[in-house]
Amino acid sequence: MIYILAIAMTVAMLIATLFGLHQEAERVRARNNSRRYDGFGINPSRRQF
C-alpha cells in the first residue's frame, strides 16, 4: 500500500513539475515577444543609426 502511495505522489510531482516548466516557458516567451515588438513597426533593438 505504501509503495502505491509513493508512486502516486512521484507521478503527481512529475506532472506538477512539467506544468510549472511549461508555464515558465510561456511566460518567458510572452515577455520576449512583447519586448521584440512594441506595436509600432520599428523594433528598438534592431534600429540602425
N, C-alpha and C. Protein backbone atom coordinates (compact mmCIF):
# COMPACT_ATOMS: atom_id res chain seq x y z
N MET A 1 0.83 -1.20 0.00
CA MET A 1 0.00 0.00 0.00
C MET A 1 0.87 1.26 0.00
N ILE A 2 1.92 1.27 0.78
CA ILE A 2 2.75 2.47 0.86
C ILE A 2 3.50 2.70 -0.44
N TYR A 3 3.81 1.62 -1.16
CA TYR A 3 4.52 1.78 -2.44
C TYR A 3 3.62 2.41 -3.49
N ILE A 4 2.35 2.05 -3.47
CA ILE A 4 1.40 2.64 -4.41
C ILE A 4 1.26 4.13 -4.13
N LEU A 5 1.19 4.50 -2.87
CA LEU A 5 1.11 5.90 -2.49
C LEU A 5 2.36 6.66 -2.90
N ALA A 6 3.52 6.05 -2.71
CA ALA A 6 4.77 6.69 -3.11
C ALA A 6 4.84 6.88 -4.62
N ILE A 7 4.41 5.89 -5.37
CA ILE A 7 4.40 6.01 -6.84
C ILE A 7 3.43 7.10 -7.27
N ALA A 8 2.26 7.14 -6.65
CA ALA A 8 1.26 8.15 -7.00
C ALA A 8 1.78 9.56 -6.71
N MET A 9 2.44 9.73 -5.58
CA MET A 9 2.99 11.04 -5.23
C MET A 9 4.12 11.43 -6.18
N THR A 10 4.94 10.47 -6.58
CA THR A 10 6.03 10.75 -7.51
C THR A 10 5.48 11.18 -8.86
N VAL A 11 4.48 10.48 -9.35
CA VAL A 11 3.86 10.84 -10.63
C VAL A 11 3.22 12.22 -10.52
N ALA A 12 2.54 12.50 -9.41
CA ALA A 12 1.91 13.81 -9.23
C ALA A 12 2.95 14.92 -9.23
N MET A 13 4.08 14.70 -8.58
CA MET A 13 5.12 15.72 -8.54
C MET A 13 5.76 15.91 -9.90
N LEU A 14 5.93 14.84 -10.67
CA LEU A 14 6.47 14.97 -12.03
C LEU A 14 5.52 15.78 -12.92
N ILE A 15 4.23 15.51 -12.80
CA ILE A 15 3.25 16.27 -13.58
C ILE A 15 3.25 17.73 -13.16
N ALA A 16 3.32 17.99 -11.87
CA ALA A 16 3.35 19.38 -11.39
C ALA A 16 4.61 20.10 -11.86
N THR A 17 5.74 19.40 -11.88
CA THR A 17 6.98 20.00 -12.35
C THR A 17 6.90 20.33 -13.83
N LEU A 18 6.38 19.40 -14.63
CA LEU A 18 6.24 19.66 -16.06
C LEU A 18 5.28 20.82 -16.33
N PHE A 19 4.20 20.90 -15.57
CA PHE A 19 3.26 22.00 -15.72
C PHE A 19 3.92 23.33 -15.36
N GLY A 20 4.70 23.34 -14.29
CA GLY A 20 5.40 24.57 -13.90
C GLY A 20 6.42 25.00 -14.93
N LEU A 21 7.16 24.04 -15.49
CA LEU A 21 8.13 24.39 -16.54
C LEU A 21 7.42 24.93 -17.77
N HIS A 22 6.29 24.36 -18.11
CA HIS A 22 5.53 24.84 -19.26
C HIS A 22 5.04 26.27 -19.03
N GLN A 23 4.54 26.54 -17.83
CA GLN A 23 4.06 27.89 -17.52
C GLN A 23 5.20 28.90 -17.57
N GLU A 24 6.36 28.53 -17.04
CA GLU A 24 7.51 29.44 -17.05
C GLU A 24 7.98 29.70 -18.47
N ALA A 25 7.98 28.66 -19.31
CA ALA A 25 8.38 28.85 -20.71
C ALA A 25 7.41 29.78 -21.43
N GLU A 26 6.13 29.63 -21.18
CA GLU A 26 5.14 30.52 -21.80
C GLU A 26 5.33 31.96 -21.33
N ARG A 27 5.64 32.13 -20.05
CA ARG A 27 5.84 33.48 -19.51
C ARG A 27 7.06 34.14 -20.16
N VAL A 28 8.14 33.38 -20.29
CA VAL A 28 9.36 33.92 -20.92
C VAL A 28 9.10 34.22 -22.38
N ARG A 29 8.39 33.33 -23.07
CA ARG A 29 8.10 33.54 -24.49
C ARG A 29 7.23 34.79 -24.68
N ALA A 30 6.25 34.97 -23.83
CA ALA A 30 5.38 36.15 -23.94
C ALA A 30 6.16 37.43 -23.65
N ARG A 31 7.06 37.38 -22.67
CA ARG A 31 7.87 38.55 -22.34
C ARG A 31 8.80 38.90 -23.50
N ASN A 32 9.39 37.89 -24.13
CA ASN A 32 10.28 38.15 -25.26
C ASN A 32 9.51 38.69 -26.45
N ASN A 33 8.31 38.17 -26.69
CA ASN A 33 7.52 38.68 -27.81
C ASN A 33 7.09 40.11 -27.59
N SER A 34 6.72 40.46 -26.36
CA SER A 34 6.30 41.84 -26.11
C SER A 34 7.49 42.79 -26.16
N ARG A 35 8.67 42.30 -25.83
CA ARG A 35 9.86 43.13 -25.90
C ARG A 35 10.33 43.28 -27.35
N ARG A 36 10.07 42.26 -28.15
CA ARG A 36 10.55 42.27 -29.53
C ARG A 36 9.76 43.28 -30.37
N TYR A 37 8.45 43.35 -30.19
CA TYR A 37 7.61 44.25 -30.98
C TYR A 37 6.85 45.16 -30.04
N ASP A 38 7.02 46.45 -30.22
CA ASP A 38 6.30 47.37 -29.35
C ASP A 38 5.02 47.87 -29.99
N GLY A 39 4.64 47.34 -31.14
CA GLY A 39 3.36 47.65 -31.74
C GLY A 39 3.40 48.77 -32.75
N PHE A 40 4.54 49.37 -33.01
CA PHE A 40 4.62 50.48 -33.95
C PHE A 40 5.51 50.17 -35.14
N GLY A 41 5.84 48.91 -35.35
CA GLY A 41 6.53 48.51 -36.54
C GLY A 41 8.04 48.63 -36.49
N ILE A 42 8.57 49.45 -35.62
CA ILE A 42 10.03 49.60 -35.53
C ILE A 42 10.50 48.91 -34.27
N ASN A 43 11.40 47.99 -34.45
CA ASN A 43 11.94 47.27 -33.31
C ASN A 43 13.10 48.09 -32.76
N PRO A 44 13.01 48.60 -31.52
CA PRO A 44 14.06 49.45 -30.99
C PRO A 44 15.40 48.75 -30.88
N SER A 45 15.41 47.44 -30.70
CA SER A 45 16.69 46.74 -30.57
C SER A 45 17.38 46.56 -31.92
N ARG A 46 16.66 46.67 -33.03
CA ARG A 46 17.25 46.50 -34.36
C ARG A 46 17.36 47.81 -35.11
N ARG A 47 17.14 48.90 -34.43
CA ARG A 47 17.23 50.20 -35.08
C ARG A 47 18.68 50.47 -35.48
N GLN A 48 18.88 50.89 -36.71
CA GLN A 48 20.23 51.16 -37.20
C GLN A 48 20.42 52.65 -37.36
N PHE A 49 21.55 53.14 -36.89
CA PHE A 49 21.85 54.56 -36.99
C PHE A 49 22.99 54.79 -37.93
